[in-house]
Amino acid sequence: MASLLLKATRSIPPLVIPKASSTIVTVANTSSRLNRFDHPINAAFNSTMAPTNGDNGDGGELNGELNQWKFRAPYRIHEDDEKFPARYEGSCHCGKVKYQLSREKPLDAKFCHCTTCQKIHGAPFQWAAIFHKEDINFTHGHHDLGWYDSSEKTCKHKLPCKVSCAYCRTPIMDEGRNMILLFPTLINFKSEEDRKNFEPTCHMFYNRRVVDIPDGKPKWTGLNEKSELIEDSPPELKKRKRAEAEDK
């Protein structure tokens, strides 16, 4: 048996690994400043090295309508001369994806208890903070991003969609048509005061919760201000909502 295995092994042809294209090496060497920021224009060259999370919809082409997202917020690179006022820094678990935030406080912050958030995050609820797309600046890992459209269950970059690190799968943000939802647990807060800037204002889809959180914050059965208040929501807020309903 051993001699048969040895003979079979010897008959296997050696694996030949082709050399990298000299054209690609030349282009990469002439764009060292952009490579330092993992500029999305290098995605075509880096795609063979980076893990993927499905088809991003560009068909492998660098130019064209399907690829314009790379040059728009929130993915467009803010170069040094633009003086992006970085207030916070965040990253995924493996560190391949890193970003900066310029806004001191999010437009709003919420706890979401919907079943989609529970499943995708593998957690009882999601802590999300709303920002403008121009408030974020990715410094590393543009080519290490993956997308997921939860409505159609596809991995194309179609808004609205969920964005994650394609390597460690850490959820990075939800990208909407006008805003982005970031997850504060990815931010490296330097002080407790910084963390308080992201204090949630309410709970959404609280009737689908898997754990009770009696914190006195407004608790909505669906989207905030567009559904019913339940549980230990502030009494004055409940009273206002009843008055508004009676006036209609």
C-alpha atoms as a PDB file:
ATOM      1  CA  MET A   1       0.000   0.000   0.000  1.00  0.00           C
ATOM      2  CA  ALA A   2       2.834   2.414   0.843  1.00  0.00           C
ATOM      3  CA  SER A   3       4.555   1.797  -2.472  1.00  0.00           C
ATOM      4  CA  LEU A   4       1.304   2.462  -4.346  1.00  0.00           C
ATOM      5  CA  LEU A   5       0.824   5.780  -2.535  1.00  0.00           C
ATOM      6  CA  LEU A   6       4.429   6.792  -3.261  1.00  0.00           C
ATOM      7  CA  LYS A   7       4.042   5.926  -6.924  1.00  0.00           C
ATOM      8  CA  ALA A   8       0.745   7.870  -7.162  1.00  0.00           C
ATOM      9  CA  THR A   9       2.310  10.887  -5.472  1.00  0.00           C
ATOM     10  CA  ARG A  10       5.227  10.932  -7.897  1.00  0.00           C
ATOM     11  CA  SER A  11       2.805  10.933 -10.838  1.00  0.00           C
ATOM     12  CA  ILE A  12       1.102  14.151  -9.751  1.00  0.00           C
ATOM     13  CA  PRO A  13       2.397  17.097 -11.846  1.00  0.00           C
ATOM     14  CA  PRO A  14       3.948  20.003  -9.917  1.00  0.00           C
ATOM     15  CA  LEU A  15       1.765  23.029  -9.199  1.00  0.00           C
ATOM     16  CA  VAL A  16       2.790  26.014 -11.291  1.00  0.00           C
ATOM     17  CA  ILE A  17       1.909  29.440  -9.888  1.00  0.00           C
ATOM     18  CA  PRO A  18       1.910  32.188 -12.530  1.00  0.00           C
ATOM     19  CA  LYS A  19       3.832  35.351 -11.817  1.00  0.00           C
ATOM     20  CA  ALA A  20       1.913  38.554 -11.111  1.00  0.00           C
ATOM     21  CA  SER A  21       1.359  40.840 -14.062  1.00  0.00           C
ATOM     22  CA  SER A  22       4.149  43.374 -14.462  1.00  0.00           C
ATOM     23  CA  THR A  23       1.580  45.950 -15.518  1.00  0.00           C
ATOM     24  CA  ILE A  24      -0.223  45.655 -12.212  1.00  0.00           C
ATOM     25  CA  VAL A  25       3.025  45.922 -10.273  1.00  0.00           C
ATOM     26  CA  THR A  26       3.997  49.049 -12.194  1.00  0.00           C
ATOM     27  CA  VAL A  27       0.668  50.778 -11.541  1.00  0.00           C
ATOM     28  CA  ALA A  28       0.684  49.838  -7.860  1.00  0.00           C
ATOM     29  CA  ASN A  29       4.211  51.211  -7.420  1.00  0.00           C
ATOM     30  CA  THR A  30       3.304  54.542  -8.993  1.00  0.00           C
ATOM     31  CA  SER A  31       0.348  55.094  -6.637  1.00  0.00           C
ATOM     32  CA  SER A  32       1.964  54.664  -3.245  1.00  0.00           C
ATOM     33  CA  ARG A  33       0.152  57.672  -1.774  1.00  0.00           C
ATOM     34  CA  LEU A  34      -3.225  56.267  -2.735  1.00  0.00           C
ATOM     35  CA  ASN A  35      -2.306  52.754  -1.548  1.00  0.00           C
ATOM     36  CA  ARG A  36      -1.520  54.217   1.865  1.00  0.00           C
ATOM     37  CA  PHE A  37      -5.191  55.120   2.168  1.00  0.00           C
ATOM     38  CA  ASP A  38      -6.436  51.947   0.421  1.00  0.00           C
ATOM     39  CA  HIS A  39      -8.015  54.230  -2.181  1.00  0.00           C
ATOM     40  CA  PRO A  40     -10.994  52.548  -3.906  1.00  0.00           C
ATOM     41  CA  ILE A  41      -9.396  53.125  -7.296  1.00  0.00           C
ATOM     42  CA  ASN A  42      -6.999  50.319  -6.358  1.00  0.00           C
ATOM     43  CA  ALA A  43      -9.844  47.870  -5.770  1.00  0.00           C
ATOM     44  CA  ALA A  44      -9.418  46.387  -9.244  1.00  0.00           C
ATOM     45  CA  PHE A  45      -5.818  45.489  -8.415  1.00  0.00           C
ATOM     46  CA  ASN A  46      -6.452  44.407  -4.830  1.00  0.00           C
ATOM     47  CA  SER A  47      -9.538  42.321  -5.545  1.00  0.00           C
ATOM     48  CA  THR A  48      -7.464  39.162  -6.046  1.00  0.00           C
ATOM     49  CA  MET A  49      -5.905  39.600  -2.613  1.00  0.00           C
ATOM     50  CA  ALA A  50      -8.963  40.623  -0.608  1.00  0.00           C
ATOM     51  CA  PRO A  51     -11.793  38.306   0.446  1.00  0.00           C
ATOM     52  CA  THR A  52     -15.146  38.985  -1.118  1.00  0.00           C
ATOM     53  CA  ASN A  53     -18.684  38.877   0.198  1.00  0.00           C
ATOM     54  CA  GLY A  54     -20.563  38.416  -3.034  1.00  0.00           C
ATOM     55  CA  ASP A  55     -20.938  40.471  -6.189  1.00  0.00           C
ATOM     56  CA  ASN A  56     -20.819  44.219  -5.510  1.00  0.00           C
ATOM     57  CA  GLY A  57     -22.544  44.850  -8.811  1.00  0.00           C
ATOM     58  CA  ASP A  58     -19.642  46.384 -10.750  1.00  0.00           C
ATOM     59  CA  GLY A  59     -18.945  43.313 -12.854  1.00  0.00           C
ATOM     60  CA  GLY A  60     -15.234  43.676 -12.120  1.00  0.00           C
ATOM     61  CA  GLU A  61     -15.051  46.960 -14.041  1.00  0.00           C
ATOM     62  CA  LEU A  62     -13.250  49.985 -12.605  1.00  0.00           C
ATOM     63  CA  ASN A  63     -15.367  52.551 -14.453  1.00  0.00           C
ATOM     64  CA  GLY A  64     -19.027  52.676 -15.323  1.00  0.00           C
ATOM     65  CA  GLU A  65     -22.319  53.469 -13.660  1.00  0.00           C
ATOM     66  CA  LEU A  66     -22.252  50.440 -11.352  1.00  0.00           C
ATOM     67  CA  ASN A  67     -18.914  51.550  -9.931  1.00  0.00           C
ATOM     68  CA  GLN A  68     -19.712  55.191  -9.167  1.00  0.00           C
ATOM     69  CA  TRP A  69     -20.400  54.425  -5.499  1.00  0.00           C
ATOM     70  CA  LYS A  70     -16.624  54.227  -4.965  1.00  0.00           C
ATOM     71  CA  PHE A  71     -16.269  57.935  -5.686  1.00  0.00           C
ATOM     72  CA  ARG A  72     -19.249  59.158  -3.641  1.00  0.00           C
ATOM     73  CA  ALA A  73     -19.878  59.511   0.080  1.00  0.00           C
ATOM     74  CA  PRO A  74     -19.626  57.584   2.297  1.00  0.00           C
ATOM     75  CA  TYR A  75     -16.856  55.707   0.417  1.00  0.00           C
ATOM     76  CA  ARG A  76     -15.057  58.607  -1.238  1.00  0.00           C
ATOM     77  CA  ILE A  77     -11.609  59.206   0.238  1.00  0.00           C
ATOM     78  CA  HIS A  78     -10.960  62.524   1.987  1.00  0.00           C
ATOM     79  CA  GLU A  79      -7.393  63.360   1.009  1.00  0.00           C
ATOM     80  CA  ASP A  80      -4.943  65.106   3.353  1.00  0.00           C
ATOM     81  CA  ASP A  81      -5.472  68.519   1.810  1.00  0.00           C
ATOM     82  CA  GLU A  82      -9.196  68.398   2.596  1.00  0.00           C
ATOM     83  CA  LYS A  83      -8.416  68.478   6.322  1.00  0.00           C
ATOM     84  CA  PHE A  84     -11.130  66.057   7.395  1.00  0.00           C
ATOM     85  CA  PRO A  85     -11.812  66.965  11.076  1.00  0.00           C
ATOM     86  CA  ALA A  86     -11.560  63.500  12.612  1.00  0.00           C
ATOM     87  CA  ARG A  87     -13.393  63.416  15.948  1.00  0.00           C
ATOM     88  CA  TYR A  88     -13.664  59.643  16.452  1.00  0.00           C
ATOM     89  CA  GLU A  89     -12.009  56.507  15.082  1.00  0.00           C
ATOM     90  CA  GLY A  90     -13.588  53.103  14.595  1.00  0.00           C
ATOM     91  CA  SER A  91     -12.696  49.710  13.180  1.00  0.00           C
ATOM     92  CA  CYS A  92     -13.922  46.181  12.615  1.00  0.00           C
ATOM     93  CA  HIS A  93     -12.762  43.264  14.782  1.00  0.00           C
ATOM     94  CA  CYS A  94      -9.830  42.226  12.553  1.00  0.00           C
ATOM     95  CA  GLY A  95      -8.753  45.816  11.834  1.00  0.00           C
ATOM     96  CA  LYS A  96      -8.853  45.593   8.040  1.00  0.00           C
ATOM     97  CA  VAL A  97     -11.623  48.220   7.914  1.00  0.00           C
ATOM     98  CA  LYS A  98     -10.972  51.526   9.704  1.00  0.00           C
ATOM     99  CA  TYR A  99     -12.774  54.851   9.572  1.00  0.00           C
ATOM    100  CA  GLN A 100     -12.992  58.324  11.079  1.00  0.00           C
ATOM    101  CA  LEU A 101     -16.033  60.402  12.080  1.00  0.00           C
ATOM    102  CA  SER A 102     -16.166  64.189  11.994  1.00  0.00           C
ATOM    103  CA  ARG A 103     -19.464  64.906  13.787  1.00  0.00           C
ATOM    104  CA  GLU A 104     -19.276  65.264  17.590  1.00  0.00           C
ATOM    105  CA  LYS A 105     -22.761  63.845  18.150  1.00  0.00           C
ATOM    106  CA  PRO A 106     -24.880  61.645  15.887  1.00  0.00           C
ATOM    107  CA  LEU A 107     -28.112  63.050  14.498  1.00  0.00           C
ATOM    108  CA  ASP A 108     -29.833  60.458  16.670  1.00  0.00           C
ATOM    109  CA  ALA A 109     -29.100  57.147  18.394  1.00  0.00           C
ATOM    110  CA  LYS A 110     -31.529  54.290  19.006  1.00  0.00           C
ATOM    111  CA  PHE A 111     -31.922  50.712  20.187  1.00  0.00           C
ATOM    112  CA  CYS A 112     -33.655  48.545  17.573  1.00  0.00           C
ATOM    113  CA  HIS A 113     -35.285  45.259  18.625  1.00  0.00           C
ATOM    114  CA  CYS A 114     -36.577  44.130  15.215  1.00  0.00           C
ATOM    115  CA  THR A 115     -36.019  40.471  14.325  1.00  0.00           C
ATOM    116  CA  THR A 116     -33.798  41.368  11.348  1.00  0.00           C
ATOM    117  CA  CYS A 117     -31.341  43.188  13.616  1.00  0.00           C
ATOM    118  CA  GLN A 118     -31.483  40.357  16.138  1.00  0.00           C
ATOM    119  CA  LYS A 119     -30.546  37.768  13.530  1.00  0.00           C
ATOM    120  CA  ILE A 120     -27.929  39.741  11.579  1.00  0.00           C
ATOM    121  CA  HIS A 121     -26.148  40.975  14.710  1.00  0.00           C
ATOM    122  CA  GLY A 122     -26.667  37.782  16.669  1.00  0.00           C
ATOM    123  CA  ALA A 123     -27.720  39.913  19.633  1.00  0.00           C
ATOM    124  CA  PRO A 124     -30.906  40.855  21.538  1.00  0.00           C
ATOM    125  CA  PHE A 125     -30.977  44.278  19.862  1.00  0.00           C
ATOM    126  CA  GLN A 126     -28.963  46.727  17.774  1.00  0.00           C
ATOM    127  CA  TRP A 127     -27.426  49.991  18.971  1.00  0.00           C
ATOM    128  CA  ALA A 128     -27.340  52.369  15.996  1.00  0.00           C
ATOM    129  CA  ALA A 129     -26.324  56.007  15.510  1.00  0.00           C
ATOM    130  CA  ILE A 130     -27.423  58.104  12.533  1.00  0.00           C
ATOM    131  CA  PHE A 131     -24.911  60.190  10.564  1.00  0.00           C
ATOM    132  CA  HIS A 132     -24.722  62.012   7.258  1.00  0.00           C
ATOM    133  CA  LYS A 133     -22.749  60.132   4.631  1.00  0.00           C
ATOM    134  CA  GLU A 134     -20.242  62.986   4.509  1.00  0.00           C
ATOM    135  CA  ASP A 135     -19.473  62.530   8.232  1.00  0.00           C
ATOM    136  CA  ILE A 136     -17.421  59.361   7.680  1.00  0.00           C
ATOM    137  CA  ASN A 137     -13.989  58.876   6.137  1.00  0.00           C
ATOM    138  CA  PHE A 138     -12.670  55.355   5.517  1.00  0.00           C
ATOM    139  CA  THR A 139      -8.899  55.208   5.952  1.00  0.00           C
ATOM    140  CA  HIS A 140      -8.415  51.476   5.393  1.00  0.00           C
ATOM    141  CA  GLY A 141     -10.253  48.582   3.825  1.00  0.00           C
ATOM    142  CA  HIS A 142     -12.501  49.968   1.103  1.00  0.00           C
ATOM    143  CA  HIS A 143     -11.839  46.823  -0.914  1.00  0.00           C
ATOM    144  CA  ASP A 144     -12.570  44.689   2.177  1.00  0.00           C
ATOM    145  CA  LEU A 145     -16.240  45.678   2.388  1.00  0.00           C
ATOM    146  CA  GLY A 146     -19.182  43.436   1.643  1.00  0.00           C
ATOM    147  CA  TRP A 147     -22.858  44.255   1.159  1.00  0.00           C
ATOM    148  CA  TYR A 148     -26.153  42.585   1.925  1.00  0.00           C
ATOM    149  CA  ASP A 149     -29.628  43.634   0.830  1.00  0.00           C
ATOM    150  CA  SER A 150     -31.902  42.145   3.498  1.00  0.00           C
ATOM    151  CA  SER A 151     -35.066  42.787   1.462  1.00  0.00           C
ATOM    152  CA  GLU A 152     -33.944  40.801  -1.606  1.00  0.00           C
ATOM    153  CA  LYS A 153     -31.305  38.726   0.223  1.00  0.00           C
ATOM    154  CA  THR A 154     -28.583  39.531  -2.289  1.00  0.00           C
ATOM    155  CA  CYS A 155     -24.969  40.670  -1.880  1.00  0.00           C
ATOM    156  CA  LYS A 156     -25.025  43.531  -4.374  1.00  0.00           C
ATOM    157  CA  HIS A 157     -24.488  47.177  -3.479  1.00  0.00           C
ATOM    158  CA  LYS A 158     -28.134  48.207  -3.715  1.00  0.00           C
ATOM    159  CA  LEU A 159     -29.564  50.826  -1.373  1.00  0.00           C
ATOM    160  CA  PRO A 160     -30.583  50.435   1.319  1.00  0.00           C
ATOM    161  CA  CYS A 161     -28.041  47.778   2.255  1.00  0.00           C
ATOM    162  CA  LYS A 162     -26.011  46.454   5.142  1.00  0.00           C
ATOM    163  CA  VAL A 163     -22.228  46.900   5.011  1.00  0.00           C
ATOM    164  CA  SER A 164     -19.745  44.601   6.734  1.00  0.00           C
ATOM    165  CA  CYS A 165     -16.077  43.634   6.744  1.00  0.00           C
ATOM    166  CA  ALA A 166     -15.707  40.894   4.149  1.00  0.00           C
ATOM    167  CA  TYR A 167     -12.923  39.271   6.188  1.00  0.00           C
ATOM    168  CA  CYS A 168     -14.136  39.080   9.822  1.00  0.00           C
ATOM    169  CA  ARG A 169     -17.815  39.842   8.934  1.00  0.00           C
ATOM    170  CA  THR A 170     -18.154  42.588  11.541  1.00  0.00           C
ATOM    171  CA  PRO A 171     -21.214  44.744  10.702  1.00  0.00           C
ATOM    172  CA  ILE A 172     -19.867  48.206   9.812  1.00  0.00           C
ATOM    173  CA  MET A 173     -23.028  50.182   9.065  1.00  0.00           C
ATOM    174  CA  ASP A 174     -26.392  50.258   7.336  1.00  0.00           C
ATOM    175  CA  GLU A 175     -26.243  52.501   4.267  1.00  0.00           C
ATOM    176  CA  GLY A 176     -29.489  54.216   3.328  1.00  0.00           C
ATOM    177  CA  ARG A 177     -30.267  56.496   0.412  1.00  0.00           C
ATOM    178  CA  ASN A 178     -29.459  59.647   2.397  1.00  0.00           C
ATOM    179  CA  MET A 179     -28.006  58.604   5.757  1.00  0.00           C
ATOM    180  CA  ILE A 180     -25.926  55.871   7.368  1.00  0.00           C
ATOM    181  CA  LEU A 181     -26.515  53.947  10.584  1.00  0.00           C
ATOM    182  CA  LEU A 182     -23.254  53.298  12.425  1.00  0.00           C
ATOM    183  CA  PHE A 183     -22.707  50.969  15.367  1.00  0.00           C
ATOM    184  CA  PRO A 184     -21.079  52.762  18.340  1.00  0.00           C
ATOM    185  CA  THR A 185     -19.571  49.527  19.681  1.00  0.00           C
ATOM    186  CA  LEU A 186     -17.004  49.784  16.849  1.00  0.00           C
ATOM    187  CA  ILE A 187     -15.830  53.243  17.959  1.00  0.00           C
ATOM    188  CA  ASN A 188     -12.785  53.589  20.179  1.00  0.00           C
ATOM    189  CA  PHE A 189     -14.139  56.077  22.716  1.00  0.00           C
ATOM    190  CA  LYS A 190     -11.405  57.973  24.518  1.00  0.00           C
ATOM    191  CA  SER A 191     -13.589  59.069  27.428  1.00  0.00           C
ATOM    192  CA  GLU A 192     -16.935  58.442  29.064  1.00  0.00           C
ATOM    193  CA  GLU A 193     -18.075  61.872  27.868  1.00  0.00           C
ATOM    194  CA  ASP A 194     -17.486  60.816  24.272  1.00  0.00           C
ATOM    195  CA  ARG A 195     -19.554  57.709  24.822  1.00  0.00           C
ATOM    196  CA  LYS A 196     -22.413  59.738  26.307  1.00  0.00           C
ATOM    197  CA  ASN A 197     -22.662  61.628  23.017  1.00  0.00           C
ATOM    198  CA  PHE A 198     -24.048  58.403  21.554  1.00  0.00           C
ATOM    199  CA  GLU A 199     -26.637  57.791  24.281  1.00  0.00           C
ATOM    200  CA  PRO A 200     -29.772  56.239  22.686  1.00  0.00           C
ATOM    201  CA  THR A 201     -32.952  58.309  22.822  1.00  0.00           C
ATOM    202  CA  CYS A 202     -35.474  55.473  22.456  1.00  0.00           C
ATOM    203  CA  HIS A 203     -36.247  51.825  21.687  1.00  0.00           C
ATOM    204  CA  MET A 204     -37.842  50.739  18.401  1.00  0.00           C
ATOM    205  CA  PHE A 205     -39.850  47.531  17.752  1.00  0.00           C
ATOM    206  CA  TYR A 206     -39.821  46.949  21.492  1.00  0.00           C
ATOM    207  CA  ASN A 207     -42.767  44.545  21.307  1.00  0.00           C
ATOM    208  CA  ARG A 208     -40.374  42.103  19.565  1.00  0.00           C
ATOM    209  CA  ARG A 209     -37.779  42.286  22.322  1.00  0.00           C
ATOM    210  CA  VAL A 210     -36.147  39.190  23.791  1.00  0.00           C
ATOM    211  CA  VAL A 211     -35.065  41.004  26.965  1.00  0.00           C
ATOM    212  CA  ASP A 212     -36.776  43.671  29.079  1.00  0.00           C
ATOM    213  CA  ILE A 213     -34.910  46.971  29.507  1.00  0.00           C
ATOM    214  CA  PRO A 214     -36.772  49.130  32.063  1.00  0.00           C
ATOM    215  CA  ASP A 215     -34.703  52.265  31.512  1.00  0.00           C
ATOM    216  CA  GLY A 216     -37.562  54.761  31.230  1.00  0.00           C
ATOM    217  CA  LYS A 217     -36.764  55.625  27.608  1.00  0.00           C
ATOM    218  CA  PRO A 218     -39.568  55.850  25.021  1.00  0.00           C
ATOM    219  CA  LYS A 219     -40.441  52.407  23.704  1.00  0.00           C
ATOM    220  CA  TRP A 220     -42.177  52.156  20.344  1.00  0.00           C
ATOM    221  CA  THR A 221     -43.890  49.143  18.799  1.00  0.00           C
ATOM    222  CA  GLY A 222     -42.369  50.111  15.432  1.00  0.00           C
ATOM    223  CA  LEU A 223     -40.533  53.163  14.139  1.00  0.00           C
ATOM    224  CA  ASN A 224     -40.261  56.018  16.601  1.00  0.00           C
ATOM    225  CA  GLU A 225     -42.965  58.691  16.347  1.00  0.00           C
ATOM    226  CA  LYS A 226     -44.811  56.482  13.843  1.00  0.00           C
ATOM    227  CA  SER A 227     -46.105  53.726  16.134  1.00  0.00           C
ATOM    228  CA  GLU A 228     -47.534  53.142  19.605  1.00  0.00           C
ATOM    229  CA  LEU A 229     -45.765  53.753  22.923  1.00  0.00           C
ATOM    230  CA  ILE A 230     -45.671  50.817  25.338  1.00  0.00           C
ATOM    231  CA  GLU A 231     -44.200  49.610  28.639  1.00  0.00           C
ATOM    232  CA  ASP A 232     -42.366  52.169  30.801  1.00  0.00           C
ATOM    233  CA  SER A 233     -42.295  54.968  28.235  1.00  0.00           C
ATOM    234  CA  PRO A 234     -42.359  58.447  29.830  1.00  0.00           C
ATOM    235  CA  PRO A 235     -45.957  59.237  30.943  1.00  0.00           C
ATOM    236  CA  GLU A 236     -45.844  62.776  29.521  1.00  0.00           C
ATOM    237  CA  LEU A 237     -44.900  61.388  26.115  1.00  0.00           C
ATOM    238  CA  LYS A 238     -47.752  58.874  26.221  1.00  0.00           C
ATOM    239  CA  LYS A 239     -50.153  61.685  27.131  1.00  0.00           C
ATOM    240  CA  ARG A 240     -48.958  63.804  24.210  1.00  0.00           C
ATOM    241  CA  LYS A 241     -49.392  60.933  21.779  1.00  0.00           C
ATOM    242  CA  ARG A 242     -52.958  60.290  23.020  1.00  0.00           C
ATOM    243  CA  ALA A 243     -53.776  63.975  22.579  1.00  0.00           C
ATOM    244  CA  GLU A 244     -52.406  63.957  19.050  1.00  0.00           C
ATOM    245  CA  ALA A 245     -54.475  60.874  18.208  1.00  0.00           C
ATOM    246  CA  GLU A 246     -57.657  62.494  19.550  1.00  0.00           C
ATOM    247  CA  ASP A 247     -57.063  65.633  17.462  1.00  0.00           C
ATOM    248  CA  LYS A 248     -56.970  63.663  14.224  1.00  0.00           C
END
